[in-house]
Amino acid sequence: MSRIGKAPIAIPDKVEVSVTKGNEVTVKGPNGALTRQLDHDMIIEINDGEVVVKRPTEQQRHKSLHGLTRSLIANMITGVSDGFKKQLELIGVGYRVTNTGNLLELTLGYSHPVYFYVPDDIKVTTTTEKGKSPLITLEASNNELLGLVAHKIRSFRKPEPYKGKGVRFLGEQIRRKAGKTAAK
């Protein structure tokens, strides 16, 4: 039995979870509402303020879906109650970021600025302090969408291994390489 899959998910106060016939799970809370269509084979039960996910058989397919389904529901509940947050920092001389609403303007050493529109479900803030790297803070209730947008922003200028310049997650460790002079 899946260790993750068999763990029940506690439903916090102010959060409402409902499951329809085709395993469409709807979670409503203070940070909004999320709906997701899950695999129709999985058995999702709501008992005494907990969500329990069960699998119908011991097939490999059902075993692999068991933990996934439980994790997806747990992320939905966490998202509408607490929310998710990711921070990206820009490392490099002249690298800047500003936002106007959900439109990010990134200056990343190219001949032109990079404009990126962040979806409306995500709240964007940028901070620039003297002597510190510019920060992009993304907050959302949907963890999947948040991760996709954060990695898209990171892909505009991935951190390079020699000087470490680029867009990276806050606290991310970059594996550094020695340059040509280290070989002599």
C-alpha atoms as a PDB file:
ATOM      1  CA  MET A   1       0.000   0.000   0.000  1.00  0.00           C
ATOM      2  CA  SER A   2       1.234   3.475  -0.827  1.00  0.00           C
ATOM      3  CA  ARG A   3       2.474   5.287   2.269  1.00  0.00           C
ATOM      4  CA  ILE A   4       1.475   8.656   0.867  1.00  0.00           C
ATOM      5  CA  GLY A   5      -1.801   7.399  -0.592  1.00  0.00           C
ATOM      6  CA  LYS A   6      -3.159   5.840   2.585  1.00  0.00           C
ATOM      7  CA  ALA A   7      -2.566   8.936   4.757  1.00  0.00           C
ATOM      8  CA  PRO A   8      -5.816  10.855   5.343  1.00  0.00           C
ATOM      9  CA  ILE A   9      -5.958  14.566   4.532  1.00  0.00           C
ATOM     10  CA  ALA A  10      -7.330  16.787   7.301  1.00  0.00           C
ATOM     11  CA  ILE A  11      -9.751  19.442   6.086  1.00  0.00           C
ATOM     12  CA  PRO A  12      -9.086  22.744   7.922  1.00  0.00           C
ATOM     13  CA  ASP A  13     -11.825  25.104   9.088  1.00  0.00           C
ATOM     14  CA  LYS A  14     -13.138  27.509   6.412  1.00  0.00           C
ATOM     15  CA  VAL A  15     -12.346  24.918   3.677  1.00  0.00           C
ATOM     16  CA  GLU A  16     -15.108  23.028   1.895  1.00  0.00           C
ATOM     17  CA  VAL A  17     -14.411  19.895  -0.190  1.00  0.00           C
ATOM     18  CA  SER A  18     -16.918  18.208  -2.500  1.00  0.00           C
ATOM     19  CA  VAL A  19     -16.645  15.261  -4.891  1.00  0.00           C
ATOM     20  CA  THR A  20     -19.028  14.727  -7.803  1.00  0.00           C
ATOM     21  CA  LYS A  21     -19.875  11.482  -9.584  1.00  0.00           C
ATOM     22  CA  GLY A  22     -17.033  11.519 -12.129  1.00  0.00           C
ATOM     23  CA  ASN A  23     -14.380  12.219  -9.440  1.00  0.00           C
ATOM     24  CA  GLU A  24     -14.361  15.954 -10.025  1.00  0.00           C
ATOM     25  CA  VAL A  25     -13.037  17.437  -6.790  1.00  0.00           C
ATOM     26  CA  THR A  26     -13.941  21.015  -5.868  1.00  0.00           C
ATOM     27  CA  VAL A  27     -12.191  22.736  -2.965  1.00  0.00           C
ATOM     28  CA  LYS A  28     -13.351  26.157  -1.734  1.00  0.00           C
ATOM     29  CA  GLY A  29     -11.564  28.280   0.854  1.00  0.00           C
ATOM     30  CA  PRO A  30     -10.455  31.780   1.797  1.00  0.00           C
ATOM     31  CA  ASN A  31      -7.973  31.986  -1.123  1.00  0.00           C
ATOM     32  CA  GLY A  32     -10.499  30.985  -3.782  1.00  0.00           C
ATOM     33  CA  ALA A  33     -11.776  27.768  -5.315  1.00  0.00           C
ATOM     34  CA  LEU A  34     -10.018  25.010  -7.253  1.00  0.00           C
ATOM     35  CA  THR A  35     -11.585  22.259  -9.349  1.00  0.00           C
ATOM     36  CA  ARG A  36      -9.788  19.252 -10.764  1.00  0.00           C
ATOM     37  CA  GLN A  37     -10.938  16.167 -12.660  1.00  0.00           C
ATOM     38  CA  LEU A  38      -9.191  13.127 -11.155  1.00  0.00           C
ATOM     39  CA  ASP A  39      -9.003   9.556 -12.436  1.00  0.00           C
ATOM     40  CA  HIS A  40     -12.448   7.940 -12.363  1.00  0.00           C
ATOM     41  CA  ASP A  41     -11.139   4.632 -10.945  1.00  0.00           C
ATOM     42  CA  MET A  42      -9.914   6.075  -7.642  1.00  0.00           C
ATOM     43  CA  ILE A  43     -12.285   6.080  -4.665  1.00  0.00           C
ATOM     44  CA  ILE A  44     -12.419   9.452  -2.866  1.00  0.00           C
ATOM     45  CA  GLU A  45     -14.340   9.602   0.411  1.00  0.00           C
ATOM     46  CA  ILE A  46     -14.990  12.500   2.798  1.00  0.00           C
ATOM     47  CA  ASN A  47     -15.475  11.322   6.420  1.00  0.00           C
ATOM     48  CA  ASP A  48     -15.353  13.295   9.689  1.00  0.00           C
ATOM     49  CA  GLY A  49     -13.387  16.272   8.351  1.00  0.00           C
ATOM     50  CA  GLU A  50     -10.896  14.094   6.446  1.00  0.00           C
ATOM     51  CA  VAL A  51     -10.442  13.108   2.818  1.00  0.00           C
ATOM     52  CA  VAL A  52      -9.421   9.482   2.244  1.00  0.00           C
ATOM     53  CA  VAL A  53      -8.246   8.140  -1.120  1.00  0.00           C
ATOM     54  CA  LYS A  54      -8.535   4.405  -1.812  1.00  0.00           C
ATOM     55  CA  ARG A  55      -7.632   2.322  -4.824  1.00  0.00           C
ATOM     56  CA  PRO A  56      -9.987  -0.295  -6.254  1.00  0.00           C
ATOM     57  CA  THR A  57      -7.404  -2.993  -7.130  1.00  0.00           C
ATOM     58  CA  GLU A  58      -3.718  -3.804  -6.698  1.00  0.00           C
ATOM     59  CA  GLN A  59      -2.904  -3.170 -10.387  1.00  0.00           C
ATOM     60  CA  GLN A  60       0.280  -1.217 -11.064  1.00  0.00           C
ATOM     61  CA  ARG A  61      -1.744   1.588 -12.654  1.00  0.00           C
ATOM     62  CA  HIS A  62      -3.909   2.000  -9.553  1.00  0.00           C
ATOM     63  CA  LYS A  63      -0.884   1.826  -7.259  1.00  0.00           C
ATOM     64  CA  SER A  64       0.820   4.656  -9.141  1.00  0.00           C
ATOM     65  CA  LEU A  65      -2.352   6.790  -9.171  1.00  0.00           C
ATOM     66  CA  HIS A  66      -3.025   6.285  -5.453  1.00  0.00           C
ATOM     67  CA  GLY A  67      -0.305   8.558  -4.062  1.00  0.00           C
ATOM     68  CA  LEU A  68      -0.642  11.015  -6.948  1.00  0.00           C
ATOM     69  CA  THR A  69      -4.361  11.508  -6.362  1.00  0.00           C
ATOM     70  CA  ARG A  70      -3.851  12.046  -2.637  1.00  0.00           C
ATOM     71  CA  SER A  71      -1.055  14.574  -3.253  1.00  0.00           C
ATOM     72  CA  LEU A  72      -3.118  16.527  -5.775  1.00  0.00           C
ATOM     73  CA  ILE A  73      -6.038  16.822  -3.344  1.00  0.00           C
ATOM     74  CA  ALA A  74      -3.696  17.792  -0.475  1.00  0.00           C
ATOM     75  CA  ASN A  75      -2.124  20.528  -2.643  1.00  0.00           C
ATOM     76  CA  MET A  76      -5.581  21.864  -3.525  1.00  0.00           C
ATOM     77  CA  ILE A  77      -6.560  22.052   0.151  1.00  0.00           C
ATOM     78  CA  THR A  78      -3.259  23.720   1.113  1.00  0.00           C
ATOM     79  CA  GLY A  79      -3.605  26.160  -1.792  1.00  0.00           C
ATOM     80  CA  VAL A  80      -7.069  27.457  -0.901  1.00  0.00           C
ATOM     81  CA  SER A  81      -6.280  27.673   2.827  1.00  0.00           C
ATOM     82  CA  ASP A  82      -2.658  28.922   3.020  1.00  0.00           C
ATOM     83  CA  GLY A  83      -1.522  29.413  -0.573  1.00  0.00           C
ATOM     84  CA  PHE A  84       1.857  28.776  -2.191  1.00  0.00           C
ATOM     85  CA  LYS A  85       4.772  31.145  -2.681  1.00  0.00           C
ATOM     86  CA  LYS A  86       7.893  31.026  -4.857  1.00  0.00           C
ATOM     87  CA  GLN A  87      10.677  33.585  -5.018  1.00  0.00           C
ATOM     88  CA  LEU A  88      13.148  34.076  -7.851  1.00  0.00           C
ATOM     89  CA  GLU A  89      16.286  36.215  -7.691  1.00  0.00           C
ATOM     90  CA  LEU A  90      18.186  37.817 -10.559  1.00  0.00           C
ATOM     91  CA  ILE A  91      21.968  37.450 -10.230  1.00  0.00           C
ATOM     92  CA  GLY A  92      24.055  39.541 -12.625  1.00  0.00           C
ATOM     93  CA  VAL A  93      25.287  43.033 -13.333  1.00  0.00           C
ATOM     94  CA  GLY A  94      22.495  45.135 -14.838  1.00  0.00           C
ATOM     95  CA  TYR A  95      19.786  42.503 -14.344  1.00  0.00           C
ATOM     96  CA  ARG A  96      16.564  44.264 -13.349  1.00  0.00           C
ATOM     97  CA  VAL A  97      12.876  43.505 -13.063  1.00  0.00           C
ATOM     98  CA  THR A  98       9.776  45.692 -12.772  1.00  0.00           C
ATOM     99  CA  ASN A  99       6.101  44.877 -12.915  1.00  0.00           C
ATOM    100  CA  THR A 100       3.023  46.779 -13.952  1.00  0.00           C
ATOM    101  CA  GLY A 101       0.157  44.714 -12.624  1.00  0.00           C
ATOM    102  CA  ASN A 102       0.842  41.225 -13.949  1.00  0.00           C
ATOM    103  CA  LEU A 103       3.188  42.326 -16.743  1.00  0.00           C
ATOM    104  CA  LEU A 104       6.837  41.651 -15.902  1.00  0.00           C
ATOM    105  CA  GLU A 105       9.606  43.564 -17.650  1.00  0.00           C
ATOM    106  CA  LEU A 106      12.915  41.711 -17.263  1.00  0.00           C
ATOM    107  CA  THR A 107      16.275  43.174 -18.267  1.00  0.00           C
ATOM    108  CA  LEU A 108      18.560  40.145 -18.481  1.00  0.00           C
ATOM    109  CA  GLY A 109      21.526  41.233 -20.555  1.00  0.00           C
ATOM    110  CA  TYR A 110      19.882  40.820 -23.941  1.00  0.00           C
ATOM    111  CA  SER A 111      19.658  43.631 -26.484  1.00  0.00           C
ATOM    112  CA  HIS A 112      15.977  44.016 -25.613  1.00  0.00           C
ATOM    113  CA  PRO A 113      13.868  43.707 -22.445  1.00  0.00           C
ATOM    114  CA  VAL A 114      11.840  40.508 -21.997  1.00  0.00           C
ATOM    115  CA  TYR A 115       8.111  41.081 -21.365  1.00  0.00           C
ATOM    116  CA  PHE A 116       6.130  38.298 -19.723  1.00  0.00           C
ATOM    117  CA  TYR A 117       2.460  38.376 -18.743  1.00  0.00           C
ATOM    118  CA  VAL A 118       1.785  36.356 -15.600  1.00  0.00           C
ATOM    119  CA  PRO A 119      -1.692  34.716 -15.458  1.00  0.00           C
ATOM    120  CA  ASP A 120      -4.316  36.551 -13.418  1.00  0.00           C
ATOM    121  CA  ASP A 121      -4.507  33.718 -10.837  1.00  0.00           C
ATOM    122  CA  ILE A 122      -0.968  34.551  -9.678  1.00  0.00           C
ATOM    123  CA  LYS A 123      -0.085  37.616  -7.592  1.00  0.00           C
ATOM    124  CA  VAL A 124       3.273  39.147  -8.598  1.00  0.00           C
ATOM    125  CA  THR A 125       5.472  41.504  -6.603  1.00  0.00           C
ATOM    126  CA  THR A 126       8.984  42.670  -7.377  1.00  0.00           C
ATOM    127  CA  THR A 127      11.484  44.189  -4.967  1.00  0.00           C
ATOM    128  CA  THR A 128      14.738  45.953  -5.733  1.00  0.00           C
ATOM    129  CA  GLU A 129      16.947  46.984  -2.827  1.00  0.00           C
ATOM    130  CA  LYS A 130      20.335  48.617  -3.135  1.00  0.00           C
ATOM    131  CA  GLY A 131      23.137  46.097  -2.633  1.00  0.00           C
ATOM    132  CA  LYS A 132      20.808  43.084  -3.019  1.00  0.00           C
ATOM    133  CA  SER A 133      19.645  41.070  -6.005  1.00  0.00           C
ATOM    134  CA  PRO A 134      16.234  41.932  -7.468  1.00  0.00           C
ATOM    135  CA  LEU A 135      13.499  39.543  -6.289  1.00  0.00           C
ATOM    136  CA  ILE A 136      10.336  38.305  -7.981  1.00  0.00           C
ATOM    137  CA  THR A 137       7.713  36.933  -5.581  1.00  0.00           C
ATOM    138  CA  LEU A 138       4.897  34.795  -7.005  1.00  0.00           C
ATOM    139  CA  GLU A 139       1.903  33.777  -4.876  1.00  0.00           C
ATOM    140  CA  ALA A 140      -1.021  31.567  -5.907  1.00  0.00           C
ATOM    141  CA  SER A 141      -3.423  28.914  -4.695  1.00  0.00           C
ATOM    142  CA  ASN A 142      -2.687  26.582  -7.626  1.00  0.00           C
ATOM    143  CA  ASN A 143       0.711  24.948  -7.020  1.00  0.00           C
ATOM    144  CA  GLU A 144       0.944  23.448 -10.516  1.00  0.00           C
ATOM    145  CA  LEU A 145       0.349  26.747 -12.311  1.00  0.00           C
ATOM    146  CA  LEU A 146       2.720  28.536  -9.928  1.00  0.00           C
ATOM    147  CA  GLY A 147       5.526  26.071 -10.680  1.00  0.00           C
ATOM    148  CA  LEU A 148       4.993  26.318 -14.434  1.00  0.00           C
ATOM    149  CA  VAL A 149       5.132  30.121 -14.419  1.00  0.00           C
ATOM    150  CA  ALA A 150       8.183  30.193 -12.120  1.00  0.00           C
ATOM    151  CA  HIS A 151      10.097  27.795 -14.377  1.00  0.00           C
ATOM    152  CA  LYS A 152       9.087  29.769 -17.462  1.00  0.00           C
ATOM    153  CA  ILE A 153      10.527  32.950 -15.923  1.00  0.00           C
ATOM    154  CA  ARG A 154      13.682  31.031 -14.932  1.00  0.00           C
ATOM    155  CA  SER A 155      14.044  29.740 -18.510  1.00  0.00           C
ATOM    156  CA  PHE A 156      14.561  33.282 -19.874  1.00  0.00           C
ATOM    157  CA  ARG A 157      18.117  33.231 -18.473  1.00  0.00           C
ATOM    158  CA  LYS A 158      19.062  30.030 -16.658  1.00  0.00           C
ATOM    159  CA  PRO A 159      21.961  30.286 -14.203  1.00  0.00           C
ATOM    160  CA  GLU A 160      25.242  29.531 -15.928  1.00  0.00           C
ATOM    161  CA  PRO A 161      27.862  27.393 -14.145  1.00  0.00           C
ATOM    162  CA  TYR A 162      30.929  29.679 -14.449  1.00  0.00           C
ATOM    163  CA  LYS A 163      29.842  32.941 -12.825  1.00  0.00           C
ATOM    164  CA  GLY A 164      26.398  31.890 -11.608  1.00  0.00           C
ATOM    165  CA  LYS A 165      24.612  34.697 -13.468  1.00  0.00           C
ATOM    166  CA  GLY A 166      20.953  34.261 -14.349  1.00  0.00           C
ATOM    167  CA  VAL A 167      17.503  33.800 -12.815  1.00  0.00           C
ATOM    168  CA  ARG A 168      17.390  31.293  -9.965  1.00  0.00           C
ATOM    169  CA  PHE A 169      15.073  30.274  -7.164  1.00  0.00           C
ATOM    170  CA  LEU A 170      15.818  31.898  -3.822  1.00  0.00           C
ATOM    171  CA  GLY A 171      18.270  29.668  -1.986  1.00  0.00           C
ATOM    172  CA  GLU A 172      18.992  27.451  -5.014  1.00  0.00           C
ATOM    173  CA  GLN A 173      22.536  26.088  -5.102  1.00  0.00           C
ATOM    174  CA  ILE A 174      24.223  26.223  -8.512  1.00  0.00           C
ATOM    175  CA  ARG A 175      26.980  23.745  -9.256  1.00  0.00           C
ATOM    176  CA  ARG A 176      29.944  25.909 -10.199  1.00  0.00           C
ATOM    177  CA  LYS A 177      32.711  24.965 -12.658  1.00  0.00           C
ATOM    178  CA  ALA A 178      36.288  26.124 -12.737  1.00  0.00           C
ATOM    179  CA  GLY A 179      37.235  28.181 -15.778  1.00  0.00           C
ATOM    180  CA  LYS A 180      40.059  27.604 -18.289  1.00  0.00           C
ATOM    181  CA  THR A 181      42.732  29.059 -16.008  1.00  0.00           C
ATOM    182  CA  ALA A 182      42.124  26.357 -13.386  1.00  0.00           C
ATOM    183  CA  ALA A 183      43.378  23.679 -15.819  1.00  0.00           C
ATOM    184  CA  LYS A 184      46.937  25.054 -15.910  1.00  0.00           C
END
